[in-house]
PDB file of N, CA and C in Angstrom:
ATOM      1  N   MET A   1      12.245  26.635  30.604  1.00  0.00           N
ATOM      2  CA  MET A   1      11.391  26.206  29.525  1.00  0.00           C
ATOM      3  C   MET A   1      11.937  24.892  28.958  1.00  0.00           C
ATOM      4  N   ARG A   2      11.062  23.921  28.801  1.00  0.00           N
ATOM      5  CA  ARG A   2      11.475  22.614  28.286  1.00  0.00           C
ATOM      6  C   ARG A   2      11.006  22.465  26.862  1.00  0.00           C
ATOM      7  N   TRP A   3      11.853  21.896  26.045  1.00  0.00           N
ATOM      8  CA  TRP A   3      11.511  21.645  24.649  1.00  0.00           C
ATOM      9  C   TRP A   3      10.825  20.298  24.527  1.00  0.00           C
ATOM     10  N   ALA A   4       9.962  20.203  23.559  1.00  0.00           N
ATOM     11  CA  ALA A   4       9.270  18.932  23.320  1.00  0.00           C
ATOM     12  C   ALA A   4      10.252  17.916  22.754  1.00  0.00           C
ATOM     13  N   GLU A   5      10.044  16.692  23.122  1.00  0.00           N
ATOM     14  CA  GLU A   5      10.897  15.625  22.606  1.00  0.00           C
ATOM     15  C   GLU A   5      10.664  15.466  21.106  1.00  0.00           C
ATOM     16  N   PRO A   6      11.717  15.281  20.323  1.00  0.00           N
ATOM     17  CA  PRO A   6      11.525  15.118  18.879  1.00  0.00           C
ATOM     18  C   PRO A   6      10.822  13.797  18.574  1.00  0.00           C
ATOM     19  N   ASP A   7      10.063  13.807  17.503  1.00  0.00           N
ATOM     20  CA  ASP A   7       9.349  12.609  17.074  1.00  0.00           C
ATOM     21  C   ASP A   7      10.348  11.694  16.364  1.00  0.00           C
ATOM     22  N   ILE A   8      10.812  10.691  17.065  1.00  0.00           N
ATOM     23  CA  ILE A   8      11.800   9.770  16.504  1.00  0.00           C
ATOM     24  C   ILE A   8      11.072   8.542  16.013  1.00  0.00           C
ATOM     25  N   ARG A   9      11.200   8.285  14.726  1.00  0.00           N
ATOM     26  CA  ARG A   9      10.546   7.122  14.140  1.00  0.00           C
ATOM     27  C   ARG A   9      11.490   5.932  14.192  1.00  0.00           C
ATOM     28  N   PRO A  10      10.957   4.783  14.515  1.00  0.00           N
ATOM     29  CA  PRO A  10      11.821   3.604  14.524  1.00  0.00           C
ATOM     30  C   PRO A  10      12.246   3.248  13.105  1.00  0.00           C
ATOM     31  N   PRO A  11      13.417   2.661  12.949  1.00  0.00           N
ATOM     32  CA  PRO A  11      13.854   2.280  11.606  1.00  0.00           C
ATOM     33  C   PRO A  11      12.937   1.208  11.030  1.00  0.00           C
ATOM     34  N   ARG A  12      12.899   1.167   9.717  1.00  0.00           N
ATOM     35  CA  ARG A  12      12.053   0.180   9.050  1.00  0.00           C
ATOM     36  C   ARG A  12      12.560  -1.225   9.353  1.00  0.00           C
ATOM     37  N   SER A  13      11.615  -2.116   9.510  1.00  0.00           N
ATOM     38  CA  SER A  13      11.989  -3.498   9.752  1.00  0.00           C
ATOM     39  C   SER A  13      12.417  -4.153   8.439  1.00  0.00           C
ATOM     40  N   ARG A  14      12.997  -5.317   8.549  1.00  0.00           N
ATOM     41  CA  ARG A  14      13.450  -6.021   7.352  1.00  0.00           C
ATOM     42  C   ARG A  14      12.296  -6.401   6.443  1.00  0.00           C
ATOM     43  N   SER A  15      11.155  -6.749   7.050  1.00  0.00           N
ATOM     44  CA  SER A  15      10.009  -7.137   6.222  1.00  0.00           C
ATOM     45  C   SER A  15       9.474  -5.951   5.438  1.00  0.00           C
ATOM     46  N   GLN A  16       9.491  -4.757   6.018  1.00  0.00           N
ATOM     47  CA  GLN A  16       9.050  -3.568   5.293  1.00  0.00           C
ATOM     48  C   GLN A  16      10.007  -3.249   4.159  1.00  0.00           C
ATOM     49  N   ARG A  17      11.293  -3.333   4.434  1.00  0.00           N
ATOM     50  CA  ARG A  17      12.275  -3.081   3.373  1.00  0.00           C
ATOM     51  C   ARG A  17      12.151  -4.106   2.260  1.00  0.00           C
ATOM     52  N   ALA A  18      11.922  -5.354   2.627  1.00  0.00           N
ATOM     53  CA  ALA A  18      11.775  -6.410   1.622  1.00  0.00           C
ATOM     54  C   ALA A  18      10.528  -6.187   0.784  1.00  0.00           C
ATOM     55  N   ALA A  19       9.431  -5.757   1.401  1.00  0.00           N
ATOM     56  CA  ALA A  19       8.202  -5.508   0.650  1.00  0.00           C
ATOM     57  C   ALA A  19       8.378  -4.365  -0.337  1.00  0.00           C
ATOM     58  N   ILE A  20       9.063  -3.300   0.066  1.00  0.00           N
ATOM     59  CA  ILE A  20       9.320  -2.181  -0.838  1.00  0.00           C
ATOM     60  C   ILE A  20      10.242  -2.617  -1.966  1.00  0.00           C
ATOM     61  N   ALA A  21      11.250  -3.404  -1.659  1.00  0.00           N
ATOM     62  CA  ALA A  21      12.160  -3.891  -2.693  1.00  0.00           C
ATOM     63  C   ALA A  21      11.436  -4.792  -3.690  1.00  0.00           C
ATOM     64  N   VAL A  22      10.541  -5.632  -3.208  1.00  0.00           N
ATOM     65  CA  VAL A  22       9.780  -6.508  -4.111  1.00  0.00           C
ATOM     66  C   VAL A  22       8.870  -5.680  -5.008  1.00  0.00           C
ATOM     67  N   ALA A  23       8.188  -4.675  -4.447  1.00  0.00           N
ATOM     68  CA  ALA A  23       7.314  -3.823  -5.258  1.00  0.00           C
ATOM     69  C   ALA A  23       8.116  -3.071  -6.303  1.00  0.00           C
ATOM     70  N   PHE A  24       9.300  -2.596  -5.943  1.00  0.00           N
ATOM     71  CA  PHE A  24      10.150  -1.902  -6.910  1.00  0.00           C
ATOM     72  C   PHE A  24      10.639  -2.859  -7.987  1.00  0.00           C
ATOM     73  N   ALA A  25      11.054  -4.055  -7.588  1.00  0.00           N
ATOM     74  CA  ALA A  25      11.546  -5.043  -8.551  1.00  0.00           C
ATOM     75  C   ALA A  25      10.450  -5.499  -9.504  1.00  0.00           C
ATOM     76  N   VAL A  26       9.221  -5.578  -9.002  1.00  0.00           N
ATOM     77  CA  VAL A  26       8.102  -5.995  -9.848  1.00  0.00           C
ATOM     78  C   VAL A  26       7.764  -4.910 -10.864  1.00  0.00           C
ATOM     79  N   SER A  27       7.879  -3.650 -10.473  1.00  0.00           N
ATOM     80  CA  SER A  27       7.530  -2.565 -11.387  1.00  0.00           C
ATOM     81  C   SER A  27       8.657  -2.219 -12.354  1.00  0.00           C
ATOM     82  N   LEU A  28       9.876  -2.604 -12.061  1.00  0.00           N
ATOM     83  CA  LEU A  28      11.022  -2.239 -12.888  1.00  0.00           C
ATOM     84  C   LEU A  28      10.988  -2.816 -14.312  1.00  0.00           C
ATOM     85  N   PRO A  29      10.649  -4.091 -14.541  1.00  0.00           N
ATOM     86  CA  PRO A  29      10.630  -4.589 -15.931  1.00  0.00           C
ATOM     87  C   PRO A  29       9.632  -3.851 -16.823  1.00  0.00           C
ATOM     88  N   GLY A  30       8.492  -3.489 -16.300  1.00  0.00           N
ATOM     89  CA  GLY A  30       7.524  -2.727 -17.086  1.00  0.00           C
ATOM     90  C   GLY A  30       8.074  -1.370 -17.480  1.00  0.00           C
ATOM     91  N   LEU A  31       8.808  -0.733 -16.568  1.00  0.00           N
ATOM     92  CA  LEU A  31       9.422   0.560 -16.867  1.00  0.00           C
ATOM     93  C   LEU A  31      10.506   0.424 -17.920  1.00  0.00           C
ATOM     94  N   VAL A  32      11.329  -0.599 -17.800  1.00  0.00           N
ATOM     95  CA  VAL A  32      12.413  -0.811 -18.769  1.00  0.00           C
ATOM     96  C   VAL A  32      11.845  -1.064 -20.168  1.00  0.00           C
ATOM     97  N   VAL A  33      10.798  -1.874 -20.242  1.00  0.00           N
ATOM     98  CA  VAL A  33      10.203  -2.166 -21.547  1.00  0.00           C
ATOM     99  C   VAL A  33       9.514  -0.931 -22.113  1.00  0.00           C
ATOM    100  N   ALA A  34       8.861  -0.148 -21.262  1.00  0.00           N
ATOM    101  CA  ALA A  34       8.171   1.052 -21.743  1.00  0.00           C
ATOM    102  C   ALA A  34       9.151   2.099 -22.257  1.00  0.00           C
ATOM    103  N   VAL A  35      10.299   2.232 -21.613  1.00  0.00           N
ATOM    104  CA  VAL A  35      11.290   3.222 -22.025  1.00  0.00           C
ATOM    105  C   VAL A  35      12.116   2.709 -23.208  1.00  0.00           C
ATOM    106  N   GLY A  36      12.358   1.410 -23.241  1.00  0.00           N
ATOM    107  CA  GLY A  36      13.151   0.820 -24.321  1.00  0.00           C
ATOM    108  C   GLY A  36      12.415   0.824 -25.641  1.00  0.00           C
ATOM    109  N   SER A  37      13.111   0.396 -26.688  1.00  0.00           N
ATOM    110  CA  SER A  37      12.519   0.428 -28.027  1.00  0.00           C
ATOM    111  C   SER A  37      11.707  -0.825 -28.336  1.00  0.00           C
ATOM    112  N   GLY A  38      12.003  -1.946 -27.712  1.00  0.00           N
ATOM    113  CA  GLY A  38      11.291  -3.180 -28.014  1.00  0.00           C
ATOM    114  C   GLY A  38      10.122  -3.407 -27.075  1.00  0.00           C
ATOM    115  N   HIS A  39       9.005  -3.853 -27.640  1.00  0.00           N
ATOM    116  CA  HIS A  39       7.816  -4.143 -26.833  1.00  0.00           C
ATOM    117  C   HIS A  39       7.435  -5.596 -27.038  1.00  0.00           C
ATOM    118  N   PRO A  40       7.324  -6.355 -25.953  1.00  0.00           N
ATOM    119  CA  PRO A  40       6.889  -7.742 -26.107  1.00  0.00           C
ATOM    120  C   PRO A  40       5.408  -7.783 -26.464  1.00  0.00           C
ATOM    121  N   GLY A  41       5.057  -8.688 -27.332  1.00  0.00           N
ATOM    122  CA  GLY A  41       3.667  -8.783 -27.744  1.00  0.00           C
ATOM    123  C   GLY A  41       2.964  -9.936 -27.069  1.00  0.00           C
ATOM    124  N   GLY A  42       1.678  -9.996 -27.273  1.00  0.00           N
ATOM    125  CA  GLY A  42       0.896 -11.108 -26.780  1.00  0.00           C
ATOM    126  C   GLY A  42       0.616 -11.044 -25.300  1.00  0.00           C
ATOM    127  N   PRO A  43       0.206 -12.186 -24.748  1.00  0.00           N
ATOM    128  CA  PRO A  43      -0.164 -12.226 -23.329  1.00  0.00           C
ATOM    129  C   PRO A  43       1.011 -11.961 -22.388  1.00  0.00           C
ATOM    130  N   GLY A  44       2.226 -12.324 -22.803  1.00  0.00           N
ATOM    131  CA  GLY A  44       3.392 -12.080 -21.939  1.00  0.00           C
ATOM    132  C   GLY A  44       3.637 -10.601 -21.725  1.00  0.00           C
ATOM    133  N   GLY A  45       3.515  -9.821 -22.774  1.00  0.00           N
ATOM    134  CA  GLY A  45       3.699  -8.373 -22.649  1.00  0.00           C
ATOM    135  C   GLY A  45       2.621  -7.739 -21.794  1.00  0.00           C
ATOM    136  N   ALA A  46       1.375  -8.200 -21.971  1.00  0.00           N
ATOM    137  CA  ALA A  46       0.275  -7.663 -21.162  1.00  0.00           C
ATOM    138  C   ALA A  46       0.464  -8.020 -19.693  1.00  0.00           C
ATOM    139  N   ALA A  47       0.903  -9.246 -19.427  1.00  0.00           N
ATOM    140  CA  ALA A  47       1.140  -9.659 -18.042  1.00  0.00           C
ATOM    141  C   ALA A  47       2.279  -8.857 -17.424  1.00  0.00           C
ATOM    142  N   LEU A  48       3.326  -8.594 -18.208  1.00  0.00           N
ATOM    143  CA  LEU A  48       4.466  -7.820 -17.709  1.00  0.00           C
ATOM    144  C   LEU A  48       4.038  -6.415 -17.316  1.00  0.00           C
ATOM    145  N   PHE A  49       3.272  -5.768 -18.182  1.00  0.00           N
ATOM    146  CA  PHE A  49       2.813  -4.422 -17.853  1.00  0.00           C
ATOM    147  C   PHE A  49       1.797  -4.432 -16.719  1.00  0.00           C
ATOM    148  N   GLY A  50       0.942  -5.436 -16.659  1.00  0.00           N
ATOM    149  CA  GLY A  50      -0.035  -5.527 -15.576  1.00  0.00           C
ATOM    150  C   GLY A  50       0.627  -5.664 -14.221  1.00  0.00           C
ATOM    151  N   VAL A  51       1.622  -6.523 -14.134  1.00  0.00           N
ATOM    152  CA  VAL A  51       2.353  -6.702 -12.873  1.00  0.00           C
ATOM    153  C   VAL A  51       3.133  -5.433 -12.542  1.00  0.00           C
ATOM    154  N   GLY A  52       3.679  -4.774 -13.561  1.00  0.00           N
ATOM    155  CA  GLY A  52       4.392  -3.517 -13.330  1.00  0.00           C
ATOM    156  C   GLY A  52       3.481  -2.426 -12.786  1.00  0.00           C
ATOM    157  N   ILE A  53       2.252  -2.377 -13.292  1.00  0.00           N
ATOM    158  CA  ILE A  53       1.294  -1.383 -12.807  1.00  0.00           C
ATOM    159  C   ILE A  53       0.921  -1.657 -11.358  1.00  0.00           C
ATOM    160  N   VAL A  54       0.731  -2.917 -11.017  1.00  0.00           N
ATOM    161  CA  VAL A  54       0.398  -3.259  -9.624  1.00  0.00           C
ATOM    162  C   VAL A  54       1.557  -2.896  -8.690  1.00  0.00           C
ATOM    163  N   GLY A  55       2.784  -3.192  -9.092  1.00  0.00           N
ATOM    164  CA  GLY A  55       3.940  -2.831  -8.269  1.00  0.00           C
ATOM    165  C   GLY A  55       4.068  -1.328  -8.093  1.00  0.00           C
ATOM    166  N   ALA A  56       3.840  -0.569  -9.180  1.00  0.00           N
ATOM    167  CA  ALA A  56       3.914   0.889  -9.081  1.00  0.00           C
ATOM    168  C   ALA A  56       2.792   1.437  -8.195  1.00  0.00           C
ATOM    169  N   ALA A  57       1.623   0.815  -8.245  1.00  0.00           N
ATOM    170  CA  ALA A  57       0.516   1.261  -7.396  1.00  0.00           C
ATOM    171  C   ALA A  57       0.848   1.055  -5.916  1.00  0.00           C
ATOM    172  N   PHE A  58       1.485  -0.066  -5.588  1.00  0.00           N
ATOM    173  CA  PHE A  58       1.903  -0.284  -4.205  1.00  0.00           C
ATOM    174  C   PHE A  58       2.921   0.762  -3.770  1.00  0.00           C
ATOM    175  N   LEU A  59       3.868   1.090  -4.634  1.00  0.00           N
ATOM    176  CA  LEU A  59       4.860   2.106  -4.282  1.00  0.00           C
ATOM    177  C   LEU A  59       4.203   3.469  -4.078  1.00  0.00           C
ATOM    178  N   LEU A  60       3.250   3.826  -4.932  1.00  0.00           N
ATOM    179  CA  LEU A  60       2.551   5.101  -4.766  1.00  0.00           C
ATOM    180  C   LEU A  60       1.746   5.131  -3.471  1.00  0.00           C
ATOM    181  N   ALA A  61       1.115   4.024  -3.131  1.00  0.00           N
ATOM    182  CA  ALA A  61       0.332   3.972  -1.897  1.00  0.00           C
ATOM    183  C   ALA A  61       1.241   4.125  -0.676  1.00  0.00           C
ATOM    184  N   TRP A  62       2.381   3.464  -0.686  1.00  0.00           N
ATOM    185  CA  TRP A  62       3.310   3.603   0.436  1.00  0.00           C
ATOM    186  C   TRP A  62       3.858   5.022   0.523  1.00  0.00           C
ATOM    187  N   ALA A  63       4.148   5.623  -0.618  1.00  0.00           N
ATOM    188  CA  ALA A  63       4.662   6.997  -0.613  1.00  0.00           C
ATOM    189  C   ALA A  63       3.614   7.967  -0.075  1.00  0.00           C
ATOM    190  N   ALA A  64       2.358   7.782  -0.464  1.00  0.00           N
ATOM    191  CA  ALA A  64       1.298   8.657   0.036  1.00  0.00           C
ATOM    192  C   ALA A  64       1.100   8.477   1.536  1.00  0.00           C
ATOM    193  N   GLU A  65       1.192   7.250   2.000  1.00  0.00           N
ATOM    194  CA  GLU A  65       1.053   6.996   3.430  1.00  0.00           C
ATOM    195  C   GLU A  65       2.196   7.627   4.215  1.00  0.00           C
ATOM    196  N   ALA A  66       3.397   7.529   3.692  1.00  0.00           N
ATOM    197  CA  ALA A  66       4.542   8.134   4.366  1.00  0.00           C
ATOM    198  C   ALA A  66       4.461   9.656   4.331  1.00  0.00           C
ATOM    199  N   LEU A  67       3.932  10.203   3.245  1.00  0.00           N
ATOM    200  CA  LEU A  67       3.813  11.653   3.123  1.00  0.00           C
ATOM    201  C   LEU A  67       2.798  12.212   4.113  1.00  0.00           C
ATOM    202  N   GLN A  68       1.792  11.429   4.459  1.00  0.00           N
ATOM    203  CA  GLN A  68       0.776  11.893   5.409  1.00  0.00           C
ATOM    204  C   GLN A  68       1.356  12.132   6.798  1.00  0.00           C
ATOM    205  N   LEU A  69       2.503  11.542   7.099  1.00  0.00           N
ATOM    206  CA  LEU A  69       3.138  11.781   8.397  1.00  0.00           C
ATOM    207  C   LEU A  69       3.752  13.170   8.465  1.00  0.00           C
ATOM    208  N   ASP A  70       4.119  13.739   7.306  1.00  0.00           N
ATOM    209  CA  ASP A  70       4.795  15.031   7.284  1.00  0.00           C
ATOM    210  C   ASP A  70       3.887  16.190   6.890  1.00  0.00           C
ATOM    211  N   VAL A  71       2.885  15.944   6.056  1.00  0.00           N
ATOM    212  CA  VAL A  71       1.974  17.001   5.610  1.00  0.00           C
ATOM    213  C   VAL A  71       0.547  16.556   5.879  1.00  0.00           C
ATOM    214  N   SER A  72      -0.404  17.420   5.600  1.00  0.00           N
ATOM    215  CA  SER A  72      -1.802  17.084   5.852  1.00  0.00           C
ATOM    216  C   SER A  72      -2.280  15.988   4.911  1.00  0.00           C
ATOM    217  N   GLN A  73      -3.338  15.298   5.325  1.00  0.00           N
ATOM    218  CA  GLN A  73      -3.872  14.200   4.528  1.00  0.00           C
ATOM    219  C   GLN A  73      -4.405  14.704   3.197  1.00  0.00           C
ATOM    220  N   GLY A  74      -5.040  15.857   3.185  1.00  0.00           N
ATOM    221  CA  GLY A  74      -5.585  16.413   1.945  1.00  0.00           C
ATOM    222  C   GLY A  74      -4.495  16.718   0.932  1.00  0.00           C
ATOM    223  N   LEU A  75      -3.388  17.311   1.387  1.00  0.00           N
ATOM    224  CA  LEU A  75      -2.283  17.614   0.481  1.00  0.00           C
ATOM    225  C   LEU A  75      -1.644  16.337  -0.051  1.00  0.00           C
ATOM    226  N   ALA A  76      -1.505  15.334   0.800  1.00  0.00           N
ATOM    227  CA  ALA A  76      -0.926  14.060   0.356  1.00  0.00           C
ATOM    228  C   ALA A  76      -1.811  13.411  -0.700  1.00  0.00           C
ATOM    229  N   LEU A  77      -3.128  13.434  -0.506  1.00  0.00           N
ATOM    230  CA  LEU A  77      -4.036  12.854  -1.498  1.00  0.00           C
ATOM    231  C   LEU A  77      -4.042  13.666  -2.789  1.00  0.00           C
ATOM    232  N   ALA A  78      -3.917  14.977  -2.680  1.00  0.00           N
ATOM    233  CA  ALA A  78      -3.860  15.811  -3.884  1.00  0.00           C
ATOM    234  C   ALA A  78      -2.605  15.507  -4.696  1.00  0.00           C
ATOM    235  N   LEU A  79      -1.490  15.340  -4.034  1.00  0.00           N
ATOM    236  CA  LEU A  79      -0.251  14.998  -4.754  1.00  0.00           C
ATOM    237  C   LEU A  79      -0.349  13.605  -5.375  1.00  0.00           C
ATOM    238  N   LEU A  80      -0.975  12.665  -4.677  1.00  0.00           N
ATOM    239  CA  LEU A  80      -1.158  11.339  -5.218  1.00  0.00           C
ATOM    240  C   LEU A  80      -2.061  11.384  -6.448  1.00  0.00           C
ATOM    241  N   ALA A  81      -3.118  12.159  -6.393  1.00  0.00           N
ATOM    242  CA  ALA A  81      -4.003  12.309  -7.556  1.00  0.00           C
ATOM    243  C   ALA A  81      -3.277  12.955  -8.728  1.00  0.00           C
ATOM    244  N   LEU A  82      -2.427  13.934  -8.457  1.00  0.00           N
ATOM    245  CA  LEU A  82      -1.663  14.588  -9.514  1.00  0.00           C
ATOM    246  C   LEU A  82      -0.708  13.591 -10.177  1.00  0.00           C
ATOM    247  N   ILE A  83      -0.035  12.787  -9.381  1.00  0.00           N
ATOM    248  CA  ILE A  83       0.888  11.793  -9.931  1.00  0.00           C
ATOM    249  C   ILE A  83       0.123  10.751 -10.737  1.00  0.00           C
ATOM    250  N   ALA A  84      -1.071  10.409 -10.298  1.00  0.00           N
ATOM    251  CA  ALA A  84      -1.863   9.391 -10.985  1.00  0.00           C
ATOM    252  C   ALA A  84      -2.321   9.849 -12.365  1.00  0.00           C
ATOM    253  N   VAL A  85      -2.574  11.146 -12.541  1.00  0.00           N
ATOM    254  CA  VAL A  85      -3.060  11.630 -13.839  1.00  0.00           C
ATOM    255  C   VAL A  85      -1.964  12.234 -14.708  1.00  0.00           C
ATOM    256  N   LEU A  86      -0.736  12.307 -14.233  1.00  0.00           N
ATOM    257  CA  LEU A  86       0.350  12.875 -15.036  1.00  0.00           C
ATOM    258  C   LEU A  86       0.562  12.173 -16.385  1.00  0.00           C
ATOM    259  N   PRO A  87       0.496  10.856 -16.451  1.00  0.00           N
ATOM    260  CA  PRO A  87       0.711  10.218 -17.767  1.00  0.00           C
ATOM    261  C   PRO A  87      -0.343  10.586 -18.801  1.00  0.00           C
ATOM    262  N   GLU A  88      -1.515  10.992 -18.365  1.00  0.00           N
ATOM    263  CA  GLU A  88      -2.565  11.348 -19.302  1.00  0.00           C
ATOM    264  C   GLU A  88      -2.340  12.724 -19.826  1.00  0.00           C
TER     265      GLU A  88
END
C-alpha cells in the first residue's frame, strides 16, 4: 500500500512577504492610535484611520484566502464575516 504524497506548499516569495509586511505596517498606526489615549483630529486623523482600515482589510482578505486551503470555502467566509462584525 502506498501513501499519498503530502501537499508541500512552496515557501512564500519575497514579494509576498513584503506585501504582507507593508499591509501590517500600514494598519499598525491606526491600531496604536485607537488603543492609545490621544486621537489626532482633522483630516490627518481621518486619513490615518482610513489607511489603517485598508491595510487591515488586505490582511483579512489574505487570511481568508489562506484559510480556504485548509477548511471549506463556506467556513472561511463565515469566519471572515464574524471577524468583520465583531467590532459592532
